[in-house]
Protein backbone atom coordinates (compact mmCIF):
# COMPACT_ATOMS: atom_id res chain seq x y z
CA MET A 1 154.53 202.79 62.50
CA THR A 2 158.25 203.25 62.06
CA ALA A 3 159.81 204.86 59.02
CA GLY A 4 161.35 201.52 58.03
CA ALA A 5 157.97 199.86 58.15
CA ASP A 6 156.54 202.64 56.00
CA ARG A 7 159.21 202.04 53.38
CA THR A 8 158.42 198.35 53.43
CA THR A 9 154.67 198.58 53.10
CA THR A 10 154.05 201.67 51.01
CA PRO A 11 155.35 200.43 47.63
CA ALA A 12 153.13 197.33 47.75
CA ARG A 13 150.06 199.35 48.62
CA ALA A 14 150.82 202.03 46.06
CA GLY A 15 151.39 199.40 43.39
CA PHE A 16 147.84 198.14 43.80
CA LEU A 17 146.40 201.65 43.63
CA VAL A 18 148.36 202.36 40.46
CA ARG A 19 146.79 199.29 38.84
CA LEU A 20 143.34 200.69 39.51
CA ARG A 21 143.93 204.10 37.97
CA GLY A 22 141.14 204.80 35.53
CA SER A 23 143.49 205.93 32.76
CA ARG A 24 145.29 202.60 32.79
CA LEU A 25 142.12 200.56 33.12
CA LEU A 26 140.52 202.36 30.20
CA ARG A 27 143.45 201.39 27.96
CA SER A 28 141.99 197.90 28.07
CA ARG A 29 139.48 197.47 25.27
CA SER A 30 137.64 194.80 27.24
CA ALA A 31 137.27 197.06 30.27
CA THR A 32 136.17 200.01 28.13
CA VAL A 33 133.43 198.06 26.38
CA GLY A 34 132.27 196.39 29.59
CA LEU A 35 132.22 199.67 31.50
CA ALA A 36 130.36 201.42 28.67
CA ILE A 37 127.61 198.77 28.72
CA LEU A 38 127.25 198.96 32.49
CA VAL A 39 127.18 202.78 32.46
CA PHE A 40 124.53 202.68 29.74
CA TRP A 41 122.27 200.43 31.81
CA LEU A 42 122.96 202.43 34.95
CA VAL A 43 121.89 205.64 33.21
CA VAL A 44 118.79 203.84 31.93
CA ALA A 45 118.00 202.60 35.44
CA ILE A 46 118.42 206.04 37.03
CA GLY A 47 116.47 207.82 34.31
CA ALA A 48 113.74 205.20 33.94
CA PRO A 49 110.84 207.46 35.03
CA TRP A 50 111.82 210.04 32.42
CA ILE A 51 113.05 207.72 29.64
CA ALA A 52 110.28 205.12 29.58
CA PRO A 53 107.45 206.11 27.24
CA TYR A 54 104.77 204.39 29.35
CA ASP A 55 104.04 203.19 32.85
CA PRO A 56 105.53 199.66 32.89
CA THR A 57 102.38 198.23 34.46
CA ALA A 58 99.88 200.06 32.21
CA ILE A 59 97.91 197.77 29.88
CA ASP A 60 97.03 198.71 26.30
CA PHE A 61 94.16 196.34 25.57
CA ALA A 62 94.16 197.24 21.88
CA ALA A 63 97.83 196.31 21.53
CA SER A 64 97.41 193.01 23.39
CA ALA A 65 95.67 191.57 20.32
CA ASP A 66 98.89 192.08 18.34
CA PRO A 67 102.02 192.60 20.49
CA SER A 68 104.27 193.24 17.48
CA PRO A 69 106.42 196.42 17.38
CA SER A 70 104.50 199.44 16.16
CA ALA A 71 104.66 203.22 16.07
CA ALA A 72 102.96 203.36 19.47
CA HIS A 73 105.11 200.60 21.00
CA TRP A 74 108.57 200.55 19.41
CA LEU A 75 109.53 197.14 20.83
CA GLY A 76 105.98 195.86 20.94
CA THR A 77 104.12 194.77 24.05
CA ASP A 78 103.95 191.66 26.17
CA ALA A 79 101.08 189.17 25.96
CA ILE A 80 98.71 191.34 28.00
CA GLY A 81 99.53 194.66 26.34
CA ARG A 82 102.20 196.22 28.58
CA ASP A 83 104.83 198.23 26.70
CA LEU A 84 107.95 196.06 26.38
CA LEU A 85 110.42 198.94 26.08
CA SER A 86 109.12 200.53 29.28
CA ARG A 87 109.30 197.22 31.14
CA ILE A 88 112.86 196.58 30.00
CA ILE A 89 113.86 200.08 31.09
CA PHE A 90 112.27 199.68 34.53
CA GLY A 91 113.66 196.14 34.70
CA ALA A 92 117.12 197.71 34.58
CA ARG A 93 116.23 199.69 37.70
CA THR A 94 115.22 196.45 39.43
CA THR A 95 118.43 194.73 38.34
CA PHE A 96 120.71 197.58 39.38
CA LEU A 97 119.06 197.73 42.79
CA VAL A 98 118.94 194.02 43.64
CA ILE A 99 122.30 192.93 42.19
CA PRO A 100 124.62 195.54 43.80
CA LEU A 101 122.93 195.11 47.18
CA SER A 102 123.22 191.34 46.94
CA VAL A 103 126.82 191.17 45.75
CA PHE A 104 128.03 193.89 48.14
CA SER A 105 126.47 192.05 51.08
CA ALA A 106 128.04 188.78 49.98
CA PHE A 107 131.47 190.39 49.64
CA LEU A 108 131.22 192.20 52.96
CA VAL A 109 130.32 189.02 54.85
CA GLY A 110 132.75 186.85 52.90
CA ALA A 111 135.67 189.26 53.15
CA ILE A 112 135.29 189.65 56.92
CA ALA A 113 135.05 185.87 57.40
CA GLY A 114 138.03 185.22 55.13
CA LEU A 115 140.18 187.87 56.79
CA ALA A 116 139.36 186.58 60.27
CA GLY A 117 139.92 182.94 59.36
CA GLY A 118 143.15 183.54 57.46
CA TRP A 119 144.64 185.90 60.05
CA TYR A 120 143.70 184.23 63.32
CA GLY A 121 143.77 180.59 62.18
CA GLY A 122 143.06 177.89 64.76
CA TRP A 123 139.48 177.33 65.85
CA THR A 124 138.34 180.57 64.23
CA ASP A 125 139.54 179.38 60.86
CA THR A 126 138.18 175.85 61.37
CA ILE A 127 134.68 176.98 62.36
CA LEU A 128 134.40 179.55 59.57
CA ALA A 129 135.82 177.15 56.97
CA ARG A 130 133.46 174.30 57.94
CA ALA A 131 130.46 176.65 57.95
CA GLY A 132 131.44 177.79 54.46
CA ASP A 133 131.86 174.18 53.29
CA VAL A 134 128.33 173.36 54.44
CA MET A 135 126.95 176.31 52.47
CA LEU A 136 129.01 175.42 49.38
CA ALA A 137 127.73 171.84 49.51
CA PHE A 138 124.30 173.09 48.42
CA PRO A 139 123.92 173.92 44.71
CA ALA A 140 123.32 177.66 44.52
CA LEU A 141 120.03 177.39 42.69
CA VAL A 142 118.68 174.79 45.11
CA LEU A 143 119.57 177.00 48.08
CA TYR A 144 117.90 179.94 46.35
CA ILE A 145 114.72 177.97 45.80
CA ILE A 146 114.65 176.72 49.41
CA LEU A 147 115.08 180.21 50.83
CA ILE A 148 112.67 181.97 48.50
CA THR A 149 109.94 179.33 48.76
CA THR A 150 110.28 179.33 52.56
CA PHE A 151 110.26 183.08 53.15
CA GLY A 152 108.57 184.30 49.98
CA PRO A 153 109.79 186.40 47.04
CA SER A 154 110.91 189.91 47.99
CA LEU A 155 113.89 192.18 47.42
CA TRP A 156 115.46 191.51 50.83
CA ASN A 157 114.94 187.77 50.63
CA ILE A 158 116.76 187.73 47.29
CA VAL A 159 119.61 189.78 48.84
CA ILE A 160 119.84 187.30 51.74
CA ALA A 161 119.77 184.35 49.35
CA VAL A 162 122.61 185.76 47.21
CA THR A 163 124.63 186.64 50.31
CA LEU A 164 124.36 183.15 51.76
CA THR A 165 125.28 181.46 48.50
CA TYR A 166 128.17 183.73 47.46
CA ALA A 167 129.76 184.70 50.79
CA PRO A 168 131.46 181.28 51.37
CA GLY A 169 133.22 181.46 48.00
CA VAL A 170 134.40 185.01 48.70
CA ALA A 171 135.59 183.93 52.17
CA ARG A 172 137.59 181.05 50.69
CA LEU A 173 139.25 183.36 48.15
CA MET A 174 140.03 185.98 50.82
CA ARG A 175 141.41 183.37 53.22
CA GLY A 176 143.77 182.07 50.55
CA GLN A 177 145.00 185.58 49.77
CA VAL A 178 145.57 186.34 53.47
CA LEU A 179 147.55 183.14 53.98
CA ALA A 180 149.68 184.02 50.95
CA VAL A 181 150.72 187.45 52.27
CA LYS A 182 150.57 187.26 56.08
CA GLY A 183 154.16 186.00 56.24
CA LEU A 184 155.60 188.65 53.90
CA GLU A 185 158.01 191.31 55.15
CA TYR A 186 155.67 194.29 55.09
CA VAL A 187 153.09 192.45 57.22
CA LEU A 188 155.75 191.20 59.64
CA ALA A 189 157.12 194.75 59.87
CA ALA A 190 153.68 196.09 60.76
CA ARG A 191 153.28 193.43 63.45
CA ALA A 192 156.74 194.21 64.83
CA ALA A 193 155.77 197.89 64.97
CA GLY A 194 152.88 196.98 67.27
CA GLU A 195 150.04 197.70 64.86
CA SER A 196 146.69 196.15 65.74
CA PRO A 197 145.37 193.17 63.76
CA ILE A 198 142.45 195.28 62.51
CA TYR A 199 144.84 197.91 61.17
CA ILE A 200 147.10 195.33 59.54
CA MET A 201 144.18 193.57 57.85
CA ALA A 202 142.59 196.81 56.65
CA ALA A 203 145.67 198.86 55.72
CA GLU A 204 148.31 196.29 54.83
CA ILE A 205 146.61 193.09 53.65
CA LEU A 206 143.43 194.26 51.92
CA PRO A 207 145.11 196.74 49.53
CA ASN A 208 147.55 194.07 48.41
CA VAL A 209 145.02 191.34 47.70
CA GLY A 210 142.47 193.60 46.04
CA THR A 211 143.01 192.65 42.40
CA PRO A 212 141.79 189.02 42.65
CA LEU A 213 138.86 190.19 44.76
CA ILE A 214 137.81 192.85 42.25
CA VAL A 215 138.04 190.36 39.38
CA ASP A 216 135.96 187.92 41.43
CA LEU A 217 133.50 190.71 42.25
CA CYS A 218 132.93 191.43 38.57
CA LEU A 219 132.47 187.75 37.74
CA ARG A 220 130.12 187.12 40.65
CA THR A 221 128.06 190.15 39.67
CA GLY A 222 127.50 188.53 36.28
CA TYR A 223 126.62 185.24 37.93
CA ALA A 224 124.19 187.04 40.23
CA VAL A 225 122.45 188.61 37.24
CA ILE A 226 121.97 185.13 35.77
CA LEU A 227 120.77 183.62 39.04
CA VAL A 228 118.35 186.42 39.84
CA GLY A 229 117.08 186.20 36.27
CA THR A 230 116.66 182.45 36.75
CA LEU A 231 114.64 183.07 39.90
CA GLY A 232 112.40 185.40 37.93
CA PHE A 233 112.11 182.78 35.19
CA LEU A 234 111.02 180.20 37.78
CA GLY A 235 108.46 182.62 39.25
CA LEU A 236 110.52 183.11 42.42
CA GLY A 237 111.79 186.60 41.70
CA LEU A 238 110.23 189.90 42.66
CA PRO A 239 106.44 189.64 42.83
CA PRO A 240 104.49 190.89 39.79
CA PRO A 241 103.78 193.34 38.34
CA THR A 242 107.31 194.55 39.20
CA PRO A 243 109.33 194.59 35.94
CA ASP A 244 111.89 191.79 36.19
CA TRP A 245 113.94 190.67 33.19
CA GLY A 246 113.82 187.00 34.18
CA GLY A 247 110.08 187.14 34.75
CA MET A 248 109.62 188.89 31.41
CA VAL A 249 111.44 186.06 29.64
CA VAL A 250 109.13 183.41 31.05
CA GLU A 251 106.10 185.55 30.16
CA GLY A 252 107.13 185.35 26.50
CA VAL A 253 108.23 181.72 26.30
CA ASN A 254 104.79 180.40 25.34
CA LEU A 255 104.67 182.87 22.43
CA MET A 256 108.21 182.26 21.15
CA THR A 257 107.07 180.79 17.84
CA ILE A 258 104.76 183.72 17.08
CA TYR A 259 106.22 186.74 18.91
CA PRO A 260 109.81 185.80 19.83
CA HIS A 261 110.72 189.39 20.72
CA ILE A 262 108.72 189.19 23.96
CA ALA A 263 111.22 186.71 25.43
CA LEU A 264 114.34 187.50 23.41
CA LEU A 265 114.58 191.22 24.21
CA PRO A 266 114.71 190.90 28.02
CA ALA A 267 116.99 187.86 27.59
CA ALA A 268 119.32 190.05 25.51
CA ALA A 269 119.32 192.66 28.31
CA VAL A 270 120.39 190.01 30.84
CA THR A 271 123.07 188.74 28.46
CA SER A 272 124.48 192.23 27.85
CA VAL A 273 125.00 192.85 31.58
CA VAL A 274 126.64 189.44 32.09
CA VAL A 275 128.97 190.01 29.13
CA ALA A 276 129.81 193.50 30.43
CA CYS A 277 130.77 192.12 33.87
CA ASN A 278 133.00 189.48 32.26
CA LEU A 279 134.68 192.07 30.02
CA LEU A 280 135.30 194.34 33.01
CA ALA A 281 136.81 191.41 34.92
CA ASP A 282 139.13 190.76 31.95
CA GLY A 283 140.11 194.43 31.98
CA PHE A 284 141.06 194.35 35.67
CA ARG A 285 143.01 191.15 35.06
CA GLU A 286 144.94 192.79 32.21
CA THR A 287 145.58 195.91 34.29
CA ALA A 288 147.05 193.89 37.14
CA ARG A 289 149.71 192.26 34.97
């Protein structure tokens, strides 16, 4: 690329990178709190085998008669005597495995489709846009249920379900961002310099549309936590006895009036991750101003 083109494109790209500097992001109280919550759960997920006091599938038959918190089980047990604290801890491992895989896959597929449609236009854009519209026409939860009931509950089927439901929205956002910048000077300069479309999309367009995508990533991660938890609540999540926060909530619903902690504690874990993702999204939004 020519020196003139470098002068045209570098400030825009550098400006985006400056916005993402950790020191500036951490000045946002929302981002700090959200990041702290996510780091806490990530540490819990990684250290689950060493932190959890019991095997999450082990049954204490004596405790099943009274699942209330006790010296042996700090948060009590579930209805069949499994330690609730251990299951919440291992449930974090499940969440932080399924959710990142699912959301990353959705963003990878959606970003590629949006870049291709926005850049090339024509039939490429039409076909990709119509395919996305068909997917968006299905309510997310309905599509989840169709996929999971057809192919069965498993980690990879949940990843595929999240990818298919979220990728069209990501593609639409990416396409709009590409259309907004593809006519700007730094992109035109790169084209005039003979750069390939792949290079222009990766090096010139992506860095300058990253802020809306990162905000959307944070929000969709929170939505994915809710949806995966809903699948577990409906009995369509990971097969038992795998600790799953959504599945743990439904296990305690019938005992809400007597032992509300069985359902409320895993529900609080889900809520904390969703709130953290929203706070982090607010922090990125503040940083980009």
